[in-house]
Amino acid sequence: MRTMTIKVAINGYGTIGKRVADAVDAQDDMEIVGVTKTRPAFGCDLAVRKGYPIFCTYDDADRISAFAAAGYQCHGGLSDLLQIADIVIDCSPGKVALYAFVLAQSALLSQRRT
């Protein structure tokens, strides 16, 4: 019997997101395909050590490039992460969560059209 692996995005890799990511990582049928940060900070070091790809919470080119300037590989913005994830676990503060929700709705509508 073949087991499906669920590709999980963690939106908001802060205090709560780190704990959620650890719980997801412990599951045999789930894979973390990326975590988001609003800016390069301490949490990026932990994500790199754990092997979690880092994405910027925003799709803004300047914000994304700030990660490289700080020495981190950023795989893109939240829209890029939404394209490769099966599910998103939102661990971000209210206003950031609303931004992510709008992007996720847009991505879902785009997938339905294709």
N, C-alpha and C. Protein backbone atom coordinates (compact mmCIF):
# COMPACT_ATOMS: atom_id res chain seq x y z
N MET A 1 0.85 -1.18 0.00
CA MET A 1 0.00 0.00 0.00
C MET A 1 0.89 1.24 0.00
N ARG A 2 0.62 2.14 -0.90
CA ARG A 2 1.41 3.36 -1.03
C ARG A 2 0.85 4.46 -0.14
N THR A 3 1.71 5.12 0.62
CA THR A 3 1.28 6.18 1.52
C THR A 3 1.54 7.53 0.87
N MET A 4 0.56 8.40 0.92
CA MET A 4 0.70 9.75 0.38
C MET A 4 1.38 10.63 1.41
N THR A 5 2.31 11.43 0.95
CA THR A 5 2.97 12.40 1.84
C THR A 5 2.32 13.76 1.63
N ILE A 6 1.86 14.35 2.69
CA ILE A 6 1.21 15.67 2.62
C ILE A 6 2.30 16.73 2.73
N LYS A 7 2.32 17.62 1.76
CA LYS A 7 3.30 18.71 1.73
C LYS A 7 2.75 19.89 2.51
N VAL A 8 3.45 20.24 3.59
CA VAL A 8 2.96 21.23 4.55
C VAL A 8 3.79 22.51 4.50
N ALA A 9 3.11 23.64 4.43
CA ALA A 9 3.74 24.96 4.55
C ALA A 9 3.41 25.49 5.94
N ILE A 10 4.41 26.05 6.60
CA ILE A 10 4.20 26.69 7.91
C ILE A 10 4.31 28.19 7.68
N ASN A 11 3.19 28.89 7.78
CA ASN A 11 3.20 30.34 7.61
C ASN A 11 3.39 30.99 8.98
N GLY A 12 4.59 31.53 9.20
CA GLY A 12 4.91 32.16 10.47
C GLY A 12 5.78 31.25 11.31
N TYR A 13 7.08 31.33 11.11
CA TYR A 13 8.01 30.46 11.83
C TYR A 13 8.58 31.22 13.02
N GLY A 14 7.67 31.55 13.94
CA GLY A 14 8.05 32.20 15.19
C GLY A 14 7.90 31.23 16.35
N THR A 15 7.53 31.73 17.50
CA THR A 15 7.41 30.89 18.70
C THR A 15 6.45 29.73 18.48
N ILE A 16 5.28 30.00 17.96
CA ILE A 16 4.29 28.95 17.74
C ILE A 16 4.66 28.11 16.52
N GLY A 17 5.05 28.76 15.45
CA GLY A 17 5.39 28.06 14.21
C GLY A 17 6.50 27.04 14.39
N LYS A 18 7.48 27.35 15.22
CA LYS A 18 8.57 26.40 15.47
C LYS A 18 8.05 25.13 16.13
N ARG A 19 7.15 25.28 17.08
CA ARG A 19 6.58 24.11 17.76
C ARG A 19 5.70 23.30 16.81
N VAL A 20 4.92 24.00 16.02
CA VAL A 20 4.06 23.31 15.05
C VAL A 20 4.92 22.56 14.03
N ALA A 21 5.98 23.20 13.54
CA ALA A 21 6.87 22.55 12.57
C ALA A 21 7.48 21.28 13.15
N ASP A 22 7.89 21.33 14.41
CA ASP A 22 8.44 20.13 15.05
C ASP A 22 7.41 19.00 15.10
N ALA A 23 6.16 19.35 15.39
CA ALA A 23 5.10 18.34 15.44
C ALA A 23 4.84 17.75 14.05
N VAL A 24 4.80 18.60 13.05
CA VAL A 24 4.58 18.13 11.67
C VAL A 24 5.75 17.25 11.23
N ASP A 25 6.96 17.69 11.54
CA ASP A 25 8.15 16.95 11.14
C ASP A 25 8.19 15.55 11.76
N ALA A 26 7.55 15.37 12.89
CA ALA A 26 7.53 14.07 13.56
C ALA A 26 6.55 13.09 12.91
N GLN A 27 5.73 13.56 11.99
CA GLN A 27 4.74 12.71 11.34
C GLN A 27 5.35 11.99 10.14
N ASP A 28 5.04 10.72 10.00
CA ASP A 28 5.57 9.94 8.88
C ASP A 28 4.94 10.30 7.53
N ASP A 29 3.73 10.83 7.57
CA ASP A 29 3.02 11.10 6.32
C ASP A 29 2.98 12.59 5.96
N MET A 30 3.86 13.38 6.58
CA MET A 30 3.91 14.82 6.29
C MET A 30 5.34 15.26 6.04
N GLU A 31 5.47 16.26 5.19
CA GLU A 31 6.78 16.82 4.85
C GLU A 31 6.66 18.35 4.86
N ILE A 32 7.56 19.02 5.54
CA ILE A 32 7.57 20.48 5.54
C ILE A 32 8.27 20.94 4.27
N VAL A 33 7.51 21.63 3.41
CA VAL A 33 8.08 22.12 2.15
C VAL A 33 8.55 23.56 2.27
N GLY A 34 8.27 24.21 3.40
CA GLY A 34 8.76 25.56 3.61
C GLY A 34 8.14 26.21 4.83
N VAL A 35 8.90 27.17 5.36
CA VAL A 35 8.43 28.00 6.46
C VAL A 35 8.62 29.46 6.05
N THR A 36 7.76 30.33 6.57
CA THR A 36 7.89 31.74 6.21
C THR A 36 8.38 32.57 7.39
N LYS A 37 9.12 33.59 7.03
CA LYS A 37 9.59 34.62 7.97
C LYS A 37 9.34 35.97 7.31
N THR A 38 9.02 36.98 8.12
CA THR A 38 8.81 38.32 7.56
C THR A 38 10.12 38.99 7.20
N ARG A 39 11.19 38.58 7.91
CA ARG A 39 12.52 39.16 7.65
C ARG A 39 13.57 38.18 8.17
N PRO A 40 14.80 38.33 7.72
CA PRO A 40 15.85 37.44 8.24
C PRO A 40 16.07 37.71 9.73
N ALA A 41 16.02 36.66 10.52
CA ALA A 41 16.17 36.78 11.97
C ALA A 41 16.62 35.43 12.52
N PHE A 42 16.70 35.35 13.84
CA PHE A 42 17.19 34.14 14.50
C PHE A 42 16.48 32.87 14.02
N GLY A 43 15.20 32.93 13.84
CA GLY A 43 14.45 31.74 13.42
C GLY A 43 14.96 31.14 12.13
N CYS A 44 15.58 31.96 11.30
CA CYS A 44 16.13 31.46 10.04
C CYS A 44 17.26 30.47 10.31
N ASP A 45 18.08 30.75 11.31
CA ASP A 45 19.17 29.83 11.67
C ASP A 45 18.61 28.45 12.04
N LEU A 46 17.56 28.44 12.82
CA LEU A 46 16.96 27.19 13.25
C LEU A 46 16.35 26.45 12.05
N ALA A 47 15.67 27.17 11.19
CA ALA A 47 15.07 26.55 10.00
C ALA A 47 16.15 25.90 9.14
N VAL A 48 17.26 26.59 8.95
CA VAL A 48 18.36 26.04 8.15
C VAL A 48 18.91 24.78 8.81
N ARG A 49 19.13 24.81 10.11
CA ARG A 49 19.64 23.63 10.83
C ARG A 49 18.71 22.43 10.70
N LYS A 50 17.41 22.69 10.69
CA LYS A 50 16.43 21.60 10.60
C LYS A 50 16.14 21.20 9.16
N GLY A 51 16.69 21.94 8.21
CA GLY A 51 16.49 21.59 6.80
C GLY A 51 15.18 22.08 6.21
N TYR A 52 14.56 23.09 6.84
CA TYR A 52 13.31 23.63 6.32
C TYR A 52 13.62 24.76 5.34
N PRO A 53 13.12 24.69 4.12
CA PRO A 53 13.31 25.80 3.18
C PRO A 53 12.63 27.07 3.70
N ILE A 54 13.31 28.20 3.53
CA ILE A 54 12.79 29.49 4.00
C ILE A 54 12.16 30.25 2.84
N PHE A 55 10.99 30.80 3.10
CA PHE A 55 10.28 31.67 2.16
C PHE A 55 9.96 32.97 2.88
N CYS A 56 9.88 34.04 2.15
CA CYS A 56 9.49 35.32 2.72
C CYS A 56 7.97 35.35 2.84
N THR A 57 7.47 35.92 3.91
CA THR A 57 6.02 36.03 4.10
C THR A 57 5.37 36.86 3.00
N TYR A 58 6.13 37.76 2.44
CA TYR A 58 5.61 38.66 1.41
C TYR A 58 6.22 38.33 0.05
N ASP A 59 5.57 38.77 -1.00
CA ASP A 59 6.06 38.55 -2.35
C ASP A 59 6.87 39.74 -2.87
N ASP A 60 7.25 40.62 -2.00
CA ASP A 60 8.00 41.83 -2.34
C ASP A 60 9.47 41.49 -2.61
N ALA A 61 9.98 41.87 -3.78
CA ALA A 61 11.35 41.53 -4.18
C ALA A 61 12.40 42.07 -3.21
N ASP A 62 12.20 43.27 -2.69
CA ASP A 62 13.17 43.83 -1.75
C ASP A 62 13.22 43.04 -0.45
N ARG A 63 12.06 42.65 0.04
CA ARG A 63 12.02 41.85 1.27
C ARG A 63 12.64 40.47 1.06
N ILE A 64 12.39 39.89 -0.10
CA ILE A 64 12.96 38.58 -0.41
C ILE A 64 14.48 38.68 -0.51
N SER A 65 14.98 39.71 -1.17
CA SER A 65 16.43 39.85 -1.34
C SER A 65 17.15 40.16 -0.02
N ALA A 66 16.43 40.66 0.96
CA ALA A 66 17.03 40.93 2.27
C ALA A 66 17.54 39.64 2.92
N PHE A 67 16.91 38.53 2.61
CA PHE A 67 17.36 37.25 3.17
C PHE A 67 18.75 36.89 2.64
N ALA A 68 18.94 37.03 1.35
CA ALA A 68 20.25 36.73 0.76
C ALA A 68 21.31 37.65 1.32
N ALA A 69 20.97 38.92 1.48
CA ALA A 69 21.92 39.89 2.03
C ALA A 69 22.33 39.52 3.45
N ALA A 70 21.46 38.82 4.17
CA ALA A 70 21.75 38.39 5.54
C ALA A 70 22.39 36.99 5.58
N GLY A 71 22.58 36.40 4.40
CA GLY A 71 23.25 35.10 4.34
C GLY A 71 22.33 33.89 4.31
N TYR A 72 21.04 34.09 4.04
CA TYR A 72 20.09 32.98 3.99
C TYR A 72 19.58 32.78 2.57
N GLN A 73 19.35 31.52 2.20
CA GLN A 73 18.73 31.24 0.92
C GLN A 73 17.22 31.34 1.08
N CYS A 74 16.62 32.26 0.38
CA CYS A 74 15.18 32.42 0.40
C CYS A 74 14.64 31.86 -0.92
N HIS A 75 13.69 30.95 -0.82
CA HIS A 75 13.18 30.25 -2.00
C HIS A 75 12.05 31.00 -2.69
N GLY A 76 11.75 32.22 -2.25
CA GLY A 76 10.71 33.02 -2.87
C GLY A 76 9.76 33.59 -1.84
N GLY A 77 8.63 34.06 -2.33
CA GLY A 77 7.62 34.63 -1.46
C GLY A 77 6.54 33.61 -1.12
N LEU A 78 5.57 34.06 -0.36
CA LEU A 78 4.49 33.18 0.08
C LEU A 78 3.74 32.56 -1.10
N SER A 79 3.55 33.30 -2.17
CA SER A 79 2.85 32.75 -3.34
C SER A 79 3.59 31.54 -3.90
N ASP A 80 4.92 31.61 -3.90
CA ASP A 80 5.72 30.48 -4.38
C ASP A 80 5.53 29.26 -3.48
N LEU A 81 5.50 29.49 -2.18
CA LEU A 81 5.30 28.39 -1.24
C LEU A 81 3.92 27.77 -1.41
N LEU A 82 2.92 28.60 -1.62
CA LEU A 82 1.56 28.08 -1.79
C LEU A 82 1.43 27.19 -3.01
N GLN A 83 2.26 27.41 -4.01
CA GLN A 83 2.20 26.61 -5.23
C GLN A 83 2.68 25.17 -5.01
N ILE A 84 3.52 24.94 -4.00
CA ILE A 84 4.08 23.60 -3.80
C ILE A 84 3.49 22.88 -2.58
N ALA A 85 2.65 23.55 -1.81
CA ALA A 85 2.10 22.97 -0.59
C ALA A 85 0.71 22.39 -0.82
N ASP A 86 0.43 21.30 -0.13
CA ASP A 86 -0.92 20.75 -0.13
C ASP A 86 -1.79 21.46 0.91
N ILE A 87 -1.17 21.77 2.05
CA ILE A 87 -1.89 22.48 3.11
C ILE A 87 -0.97 23.55 3.71
N VAL A 88 -1.61 24.53 4.34
CA VAL A 88 -0.88 25.59 5.04
C VAL A 88 -1.35 25.60 6.48
N ILE A 89 -0.40 25.59 7.40
CA ILE A 89 -0.73 25.79 8.80
C ILE A 89 -0.30 27.21 9.13
N ASP A 90 -1.28 28.04 9.47
CA ASP A 90 -1.01 29.46 9.69
C ASP A 90 -0.71 29.71 11.16
N CYS A 91 0.51 30.12 11.42
CA CYS A 91 0.96 30.42 12.78
C CYS A 91 1.36 31.89 12.90
N SER A 92 0.85 32.70 12.00
CA SER A 92 1.26 34.10 11.94
C SER A 92 0.29 35.01 12.68
N PRO A 93 0.76 36.22 13.02
CA PRO A 93 -0.13 37.20 13.66
C PRO A 93 -1.26 37.61 12.72
N GLY A 94 -2.31 38.20 13.28
CA GLY A 94 -3.53 38.55 12.56
C GLY A 94 -3.39 39.19 11.19
N LYS A 95 -2.69 40.30 11.08
CA LYS A 95 -2.61 41.01 9.80
C LYS A 95 -1.84 40.20 8.78
N VAL A 96 -0.82 39.50 9.21
CA VAL A 96 -0.05 38.66 8.30
C VAL A 96 -0.90 37.48 7.87
N ALA A 97 -1.69 36.95 8.78
CA ALA A 97 -2.58 35.82 8.47
C ALA A 97 -3.60 36.23 7.41
N LEU A 98 -4.13 37.41 7.49
CA LEU A 98 -5.10 37.88 6.50
C LEU A 98 -4.46 37.96 5.13
N TYR A 99 -3.24 38.48 5.05
CA TYR A 99 -2.50 38.54 3.78
C TYR A 99 -2.34 37.14 3.21
N ALA A 100 -1.96 36.19 4.04
CA ALA A 100 -1.76 34.81 3.59
C ALA A 100 -3.07 34.19 3.12
N PHE A 101 -4.16 34.50 3.81
CA PHE A 101 -5.46 33.96 3.45
C PHE A 101 -5.88 34.44 2.06
N VAL A 102 -5.69 35.71 1.79
CA VAL A 102 -6.04 36.27 0.48
C VAL A 102 -5.20 35.61 -0.62
N LEU A 103 -3.90 35.45 -0.37
CA LEU A 103 -3.04 34.79 -1.36
C LEU A 103 -3.45 33.34 -1.58
N ALA A 104 -3.79 32.65 -0.52
CA ALA A 104 -4.19 31.24 -0.63
C ALA A 104 -5.48 31.11 -1.43
N GLN A 105 -6.43 32.00 -1.20
CA GLN A 105 -7.67 31.98 -1.97
C GLN A 105 -7.37 32.20 -3.45
N SER A 106 -6.51 33.14 -3.75
CA SER A 106 -6.13 33.42 -5.13
C SER A 106 -5.47 32.21 -5.78
N ALA A 107 -4.58 31.56 -5.06
CA ALA A 107 -3.89 30.37 -5.58
C ALA A 107 -4.89 29.25 -5.84
N LEU A 108 -5.85 29.07 -4.93
CA LEU A 108 -6.85 28.02 -5.09
C LEU A 108 -7.71 28.29 -6.31
N LEU A 109 -8.12 29.53 -6.50
CA LEU A 109 -8.92 29.87 -7.68
C LEU A 109 -8.14 29.64 -8.97
N SER A 110 -6.85 29.95 -8.96
CA SER A 110 -6.02 29.73 -10.13
C SER A 110 -5.91 28.25 -10.46
N GLN A 111 -5.79 27.41 -9.45
CA GLN A 111 -5.68 25.97 -9.67
C GLN A 111 -6.98 25.40 -10.22
N ARG A 112 -8.09 25.92 -9.78
CA ARG A 112 -9.39 25.44 -10.27
C ARG A 112 -9.60 25.79 -11.72
N ARG A 113 -9.02 26.88 -12.18
CA ARG A 113 -9.19 27.33 -13.56
C ARG A 113 -8.36 26.50 -14.54
N THR A 114 -7.30 25.87 -14.03
CA THR A 114 -6.42 25.10 -14.93
C THR A 114 -6.77 23.64 -14.98
